[in-house]
Amino acid sequence: MAYTITIELRVDFDTANVKIKNPMMLKLARQSARELLTRAMMIQDQRAPSIMITDGDFFSESKDVAVFGDDEEG
């Protein structure tokens, strides 16, 4: 039986801070998603778990974000 958990984070930064803080929050979300996926994989049965991240703002459509990508560390 498939089981779905949804975590949604909304932040509202001042316009002057958006270009610094939004990428910072996205990086933290990607790191958290990788950790959560790894933990789920450690207890998986036959079917592998999956995870996804979307981002957007009030004025634009949400878009999918790669969990693994260019800003990975080490």
N, C-alpha and C. Protein backbone atom coordinates (compact mmCIF):
# COMPACT_ATOMS: atom_id res chain seq x y z
N MET A 1 0.84 -1.17 0.00
CA MET A 1 0.00 0.00 0.00
C MET A 1 0.89 1.24 0.00
N ALA A 2 0.63 2.15 -0.92
CA ALA A 2 1.39 3.39 -1.00
C ALA A 2 0.99 4.33 0.14
N TYR A 3 1.96 4.99 0.69
CA TYR A 3 1.76 5.91 1.80
C TYR A 3 2.43 7.23 1.43
N THR A 4 1.72 8.33 1.51
CA THR A 4 2.24 9.63 1.11
C THR A 4 2.24 10.58 2.28
N ILE A 5 3.36 11.28 2.46
CA ILE A 5 3.48 12.33 3.47
C ILE A 5 3.81 13.62 2.71
N THR A 6 3.11 14.69 3.02
CA THR A 6 3.38 15.98 2.38
C THR A 6 3.90 16.96 3.42
N ILE A 7 5.04 17.57 3.12
CA ILE A 7 5.61 18.61 3.96
C ILE A 7 5.66 19.87 3.11
N GLU A 8 5.07 20.94 3.58
CA GLU A 8 5.07 22.19 2.82
C GLU A 8 5.62 23.30 3.69
N LEU A 9 6.59 24.01 3.18
CA LEU A 9 7.22 25.11 3.91
C LEU A 9 6.94 26.39 3.14
N ARG A 10 6.45 27.41 3.84
CA ARG A 10 6.25 28.72 3.23
C ARG A 10 7.06 29.74 4.02
N VAL A 11 7.85 30.52 3.32
CA VAL A 11 8.62 31.59 3.93
C VAL A 11 8.29 32.89 3.21
N ASP A 12 8.34 33.99 3.92
CA ASP A 12 8.01 35.29 3.33
C ASP A 12 9.08 36.28 3.75
N PHE A 13 10.08 36.44 2.89
CA PHE A 13 11.18 37.33 3.18
C PHE A 13 10.92 38.71 2.57
N ASP A 14 11.54 39.73 3.12
CA ASP A 14 11.49 41.06 2.54
C ASP A 14 12.09 41.00 1.14
N THR A 15 11.60 41.85 0.25
CA THR A 15 12.05 41.85 -1.14
C THR A 15 13.57 41.98 -1.25
N ALA A 16 14.17 42.78 -0.39
CA ALA A 16 15.61 42.99 -0.45
C ALA A 16 16.40 41.71 -0.14
N ASN A 17 15.82 40.77 0.57
CA ASN A 17 16.52 39.56 0.99
C ASN A 17 16.21 38.33 0.15
N VAL A 18 15.27 38.44 -0.76
CA VAL A 18 14.80 37.28 -1.52
C VAL A 18 15.92 36.61 -2.32
N LYS A 19 16.77 37.38 -2.97
CA LYS A 19 17.81 36.79 -3.83
C LYS A 19 18.86 36.05 -3.03
N ILE A 20 18.97 36.32 -1.76
CA ILE A 20 19.92 35.62 -0.89
C ILE A 20 19.24 34.48 -0.15
N LYS A 21 18.09 34.75 0.42
CA LYS A 21 17.46 33.78 1.31
C LYS A 21 16.68 32.68 0.58
N ASN A 22 16.04 32.97 -0.55
CA ASN A 22 15.32 31.91 -1.25
C ASN A 22 16.25 30.79 -1.69
N PRO A 23 17.40 31.08 -2.33
CA PRO A 23 18.31 29.99 -2.69
C PRO A 23 18.84 29.24 -1.46
N MET A 24 19.03 29.95 -0.36
CA MET A 24 19.48 29.31 0.87
C MET A 24 18.42 28.31 1.36
N MET A 25 17.17 28.70 1.33
CA MET A 25 16.09 27.81 1.78
C MET A 25 15.95 26.62 0.84
N LEU A 26 16.10 26.86 -0.46
CA LEU A 26 16.01 25.76 -1.43
C LEU A 26 17.13 24.75 -1.20
N LYS A 27 18.34 25.24 -0.94
CA LYS A 27 19.46 24.34 -0.67
C LYS A 27 19.18 23.50 0.58
N LEU A 28 18.65 24.12 1.63
CA LEU A 28 18.31 23.39 2.85
C LEU A 28 17.22 22.36 2.59
N ALA A 29 16.24 22.71 1.77
CA ALA A 29 15.16 21.77 1.43
C ALA A 29 15.72 20.57 0.67
N ARG A 30 16.63 20.82 -0.26
CA ARG A 30 17.23 19.72 -1.02
C ARG A 30 18.04 18.81 -0.12
N GLN A 31 18.80 19.39 0.79
CA GLN A 31 19.59 18.57 1.73
C GLN A 31 18.66 17.73 2.60
N SER A 32 17.59 18.33 3.10
CA SER A 32 16.65 17.60 3.95
C SER A 32 15.96 16.49 3.17
N ALA A 33 15.60 16.76 1.92
CA ALA A 33 14.95 15.75 1.09
C ALA A 33 15.87 14.56 0.85
N ARG A 34 17.16 14.83 0.59
CA ARG A 34 18.10 13.73 0.39
C ARG A 34 18.23 12.87 1.64
N GLU A 35 18.29 13.52 2.80
CA GLU A 35 18.39 12.78 4.05
C GLU A 35 17.14 11.94 4.29
N LEU A 36 15.97 12.53 4.08
CA LEU A 36 14.72 11.80 4.28
C LEU A 36 14.61 10.61 3.32
N LEU A 37 14.99 10.82 2.07
CA LEU A 37 14.95 9.73 1.09
C LEU A 37 15.91 8.61 1.48
N THR A 38 17.10 8.97 1.93
CA THR A 38 18.08 7.96 2.35
C THR A 38 17.53 7.13 3.50
N ARG A 39 16.93 7.78 4.47
CA ARG A 39 16.36 7.05 5.61
C ARG A 39 15.22 6.14 5.17
N ALA A 40 14.38 6.62 4.25
CA ALA A 40 13.29 5.79 3.76
C ALA A 40 13.82 4.58 2.99
N MET A 41 14.91 4.77 2.25
CA MET A 41 15.51 3.67 1.49
C MET A 41 16.09 2.61 2.42
N MET A 42 16.53 3.03 3.60
CA MET A 42 17.10 2.07 4.54
C MET A 42 16.05 1.09 5.09
N ILE A 43 14.79 1.48 5.06
CA ILE A 43 13.74 0.60 5.59
C ILE A 43 12.76 0.14 4.51
N GLN A 44 13.10 0.37 3.25
CA GLN A 44 12.18 0.02 2.17
C GLN A 44 11.97 -1.49 2.07
N ASP A 45 10.85 -1.85 1.49
CA ASP A 45 10.59 -3.24 1.15
C ASP A 45 11.01 -3.43 -0.30
N GLN A 46 10.08 -3.88 -1.16
CA GLN A 46 10.45 -4.15 -2.55
C GLN A 46 10.48 -2.89 -3.43
N ARG A 47 9.57 -1.99 -3.21
CA ARG A 47 9.48 -0.80 -4.05
C ARG A 47 10.25 0.35 -3.41
N ALA A 48 11.09 0.98 -4.22
CA ALA A 48 11.91 2.08 -3.71
C ALA A 48 11.05 3.33 -3.47
N PRO A 49 11.34 4.07 -2.42
CA PRO A 49 10.61 5.31 -2.16
C PRO A 49 11.03 6.39 -3.16
N SER A 50 10.21 7.40 -3.29
CA SER A 50 10.55 8.53 -4.15
C SER A 50 10.25 9.82 -3.40
N ILE A 51 10.85 10.90 -3.86
CA ILE A 51 10.68 12.18 -3.19
C ILE A 51 10.70 13.26 -4.27
N MET A 52 10.03 14.37 -4.02
CA MET A 52 10.04 15.48 -4.96
C MET A 52 10.00 16.80 -4.22
N ILE A 53 10.53 17.82 -4.86
CA ILE A 53 10.50 19.18 -4.33
C ILE A 53 9.95 20.08 -5.43
N THR A 54 9.07 20.99 -5.06
CA THR A 54 8.62 22.03 -5.96
C THR A 54 8.85 23.37 -5.29
N ASP A 55 9.05 24.40 -6.09
CA ASP A 55 9.15 25.74 -5.52
C ASP A 55 8.45 26.73 -6.41
N GLY A 56 8.10 27.84 -5.85
CA GLY A 56 7.42 28.89 -6.59
C GLY A 56 7.03 30.00 -5.63
N ASP A 57 6.37 30.98 -6.17
CA ASP A 57 5.89 32.05 -5.32
C ASP A 57 4.44 32.35 -5.64
N PHE A 58 3.91 33.34 -4.98
CA PHE A 58 2.50 33.68 -5.11
C PHE A 58 2.13 34.07 -6.53
N PHE A 59 3.08 34.60 -7.28
CA PHE A 59 2.79 35.14 -8.60
C PHE A 59 3.14 34.21 -9.75
N SER A 60 3.89 33.17 -9.51
CA SER A 60 4.29 32.27 -10.60
C SER A 60 3.91 30.84 -10.26
N GLU A 61 3.84 30.04 -11.31
CA GLU A 61 3.50 28.63 -11.16
C GLU A 61 4.64 27.88 -10.48
N SER A 62 4.31 26.93 -9.64
CA SER A 62 5.33 26.10 -8.99
C SER A 62 6.05 25.27 -10.04
N LYS A 63 7.34 25.03 -9.79
CA LYS A 63 8.12 24.20 -10.71
C LYS A 63 8.84 23.12 -9.92
N ASP A 64 9.08 22.00 -10.59
CA ASP A 64 9.82 20.90 -9.96
C ASP A 64 11.29 21.28 -9.82
N VAL A 65 11.89 20.84 -8.73
CA VAL A 65 13.31 21.10 -8.45
C VAL A 65 14.00 19.75 -8.29
N ALA A 66 15.16 19.61 -8.89
CA ALA A 66 15.92 18.37 -8.75
C ALA A 66 16.42 18.22 -7.32
N VAL A 67 16.22 17.05 -6.75
CA VAL A 67 16.69 16.77 -5.39
C VAL A 67 18.21 16.64 -5.41
N PHE A 68 18.73 16.01 -6.46
CA PHE A 68 20.17 15.87 -6.64
C PHE A 68 20.57 16.78 -7.79
N GLY A 69 21.59 17.61 -7.57
CA GLY A 69 21.96 18.54 -8.64
C GLY A 69 23.26 19.24 -8.38
N ASP A 70 23.40 20.39 -9.02
CA ASP A 70 24.66 21.12 -9.05
C ASP A 70 25.16 21.61 -7.70
N ASP A 71 24.26 21.91 -6.78
CA ASP A 71 24.75 22.50 -5.51
C ASP A 71 25.09 21.47 -4.45
N GLU A 72 25.18 20.19 -4.85
CA GLU A 72 25.55 19.15 -3.90
C GLU A 72 26.96 19.38 -3.38
N GLU A 73 27.13 19.12 -2.10
CA GLU A 73 28.45 19.26 -1.50
C GLU A 73 29.09 17.89 -1.32
N GLY A 74 30.40 17.87 -1.52
CA GLY A 74 31.25 16.75 -1.22
C GLY A 74 30.84 15.45 -1.67
